[in-house]
Amino acid sequence: MKGMVTFPQIEEILEILDDHMINRELIEIPLGAKDPGGIEDLGGGRCRVTVPESTDFDEWLEAIRAPLLAFYGVEE
């Protein structure tokens, strides 16, 4: 459904954290997709990752990987 983030998409985002042993509790992923999407600092080491509505998810996920890891102080 357009405008909604699917469970498989959420799992793909969380896999990035899992691959680097980052606690899933430190991320918030809204269920509604909204442009432009991105990463927002929530304080306390937590962030909100918003999936964009009008961008290809796979391309966006590849582009957001490094900034998401950098938020948690991880370099690839």
Protein backbone atom coordinates (compact mmCIF):
# COMPACT_ATOMS: atom_id res chain seq x y z
CA MET A 1 0.00 0.00 0.00
CA LYS A 2 1.37 3.39 -1.02
CA GLY A 3 2.41 5.55 1.89
CA MET A 4 2.89 2.66 4.30
CA VAL A 5 6.14 1.05 5.43
CA THR A 6 5.96 -2.73 5.19
CA PHE A 7 7.20 -5.20 7.77
CA PRO A 8 9.84 -6.56 5.33
CA GLN A 9 11.13 -3.00 4.81
CA ILE A 10 11.36 -2.49 8.56
CA GLU A 11 13.27 -5.76 8.85
CA GLU A 12 15.75 -4.60 6.18
CA ILE A 13 16.41 -1.39 8.11
CA LEU A 14 16.81 -3.30 11.38
CA GLU A 15 19.23 -5.75 9.73
CA ILE A 16 21.66 -2.86 9.27
CA LEU A 17 21.64 -2.40 13.05
CA ASP A 18 21.79 -6.13 13.73
CA ASP A 19 24.84 -6.55 11.49
CA HIS A 20 26.71 -4.11 13.77
CA MET A 21 25.27 -5.25 17.11
CA ILE A 22 23.36 -1.98 17.58
CA ASN A 23 20.36 -2.29 19.89
CA ARG A 24 17.04 -2.14 18.01
CA GLU A 25 15.58 -0.14 20.91
CA LEU A 26 17.63 2.85 19.71
CA ILE A 27 15.65 3.34 16.51
CA GLU A 28 12.12 4.46 15.76
CA ILE A 29 10.62 3.72 12.34
CA PRO A 30 7.24 5.35 11.67
CA LEU A 31 4.76 3.12 9.82
CA GLY A 32 3.82 5.92 7.44
CA ALA A 33 6.22 6.79 4.62
CA LYS A 34 6.76 10.54 4.21
CA ASP A 35 8.93 12.59 1.90
CA PRO A 36 11.73 13.46 2.02
CA GLY A 37 12.50 10.71 4.54
CA GLY A 38 15.73 10.61 6.50
CA ILE A 39 17.26 10.35 9.95
CA GLU A 40 16.27 12.53 12.89
CA ASP A 41 18.16 12.66 16.18
CA LEU A 42 15.78 12.01 19.08
CA GLY A 43 18.43 12.49 21.75
CA GLY A 44 19.78 9.91 24.14
CA GLY A 45 21.42 7.96 21.32
CA ARG A 46 18.07 7.31 19.63
CA CYS A 47 17.00 8.24 16.12
CA ARG A 48 13.91 8.20 13.96
CA VAL A 49 14.29 6.81 10.45
CA THR A 50 11.51 7.92 8.12
CA VAL A 51 11.11 6.03 4.85
CA PRO A 52 10.39 8.35 1.91
CA GLU A 53 7.15 7.81 0.01
CA SER A 54 8.29 8.71 -3.51
CA THR A 55 11.79 7.16 -3.64
CA ASP A 56 12.67 3.59 -4.56
CA PHE A 57 13.10 1.82 -1.22
CA ASP A 58 16.13 -0.29 -2.20
CA GLU A 59 18.03 2.72 -3.57
CA TRP A 60 17.12 4.77 -0.50
CA LEU A 61 18.18 1.97 1.86
CA GLU A 62 21.59 1.76 0.21
CA ALA A 63 22.00 5.55 0.46
CA ILE A 64 20.89 5.74 4.11
CA ARG A 65 23.11 2.87 5.34
CA ALA A 66 26.31 4.89 5.90
CA PRO A 67 24.59 7.90 7.54
CA LEU A 68 22.59 5.58 9.81
CA LEU A 69 25.71 3.75 10.94
CA ALA A 70 27.58 7.05 11.34
CA PHE A 71 24.81 8.22 13.66
CA TYR A 72 25.77 5.34 15.96
CA GLY A 73 29.50 5.97 15.52
CA VAL A 74 30.11 3.00 13.23
CA GLU A 75 32.28 3.28 10.12
CA GLU A 76 32.19 0.69 7.39
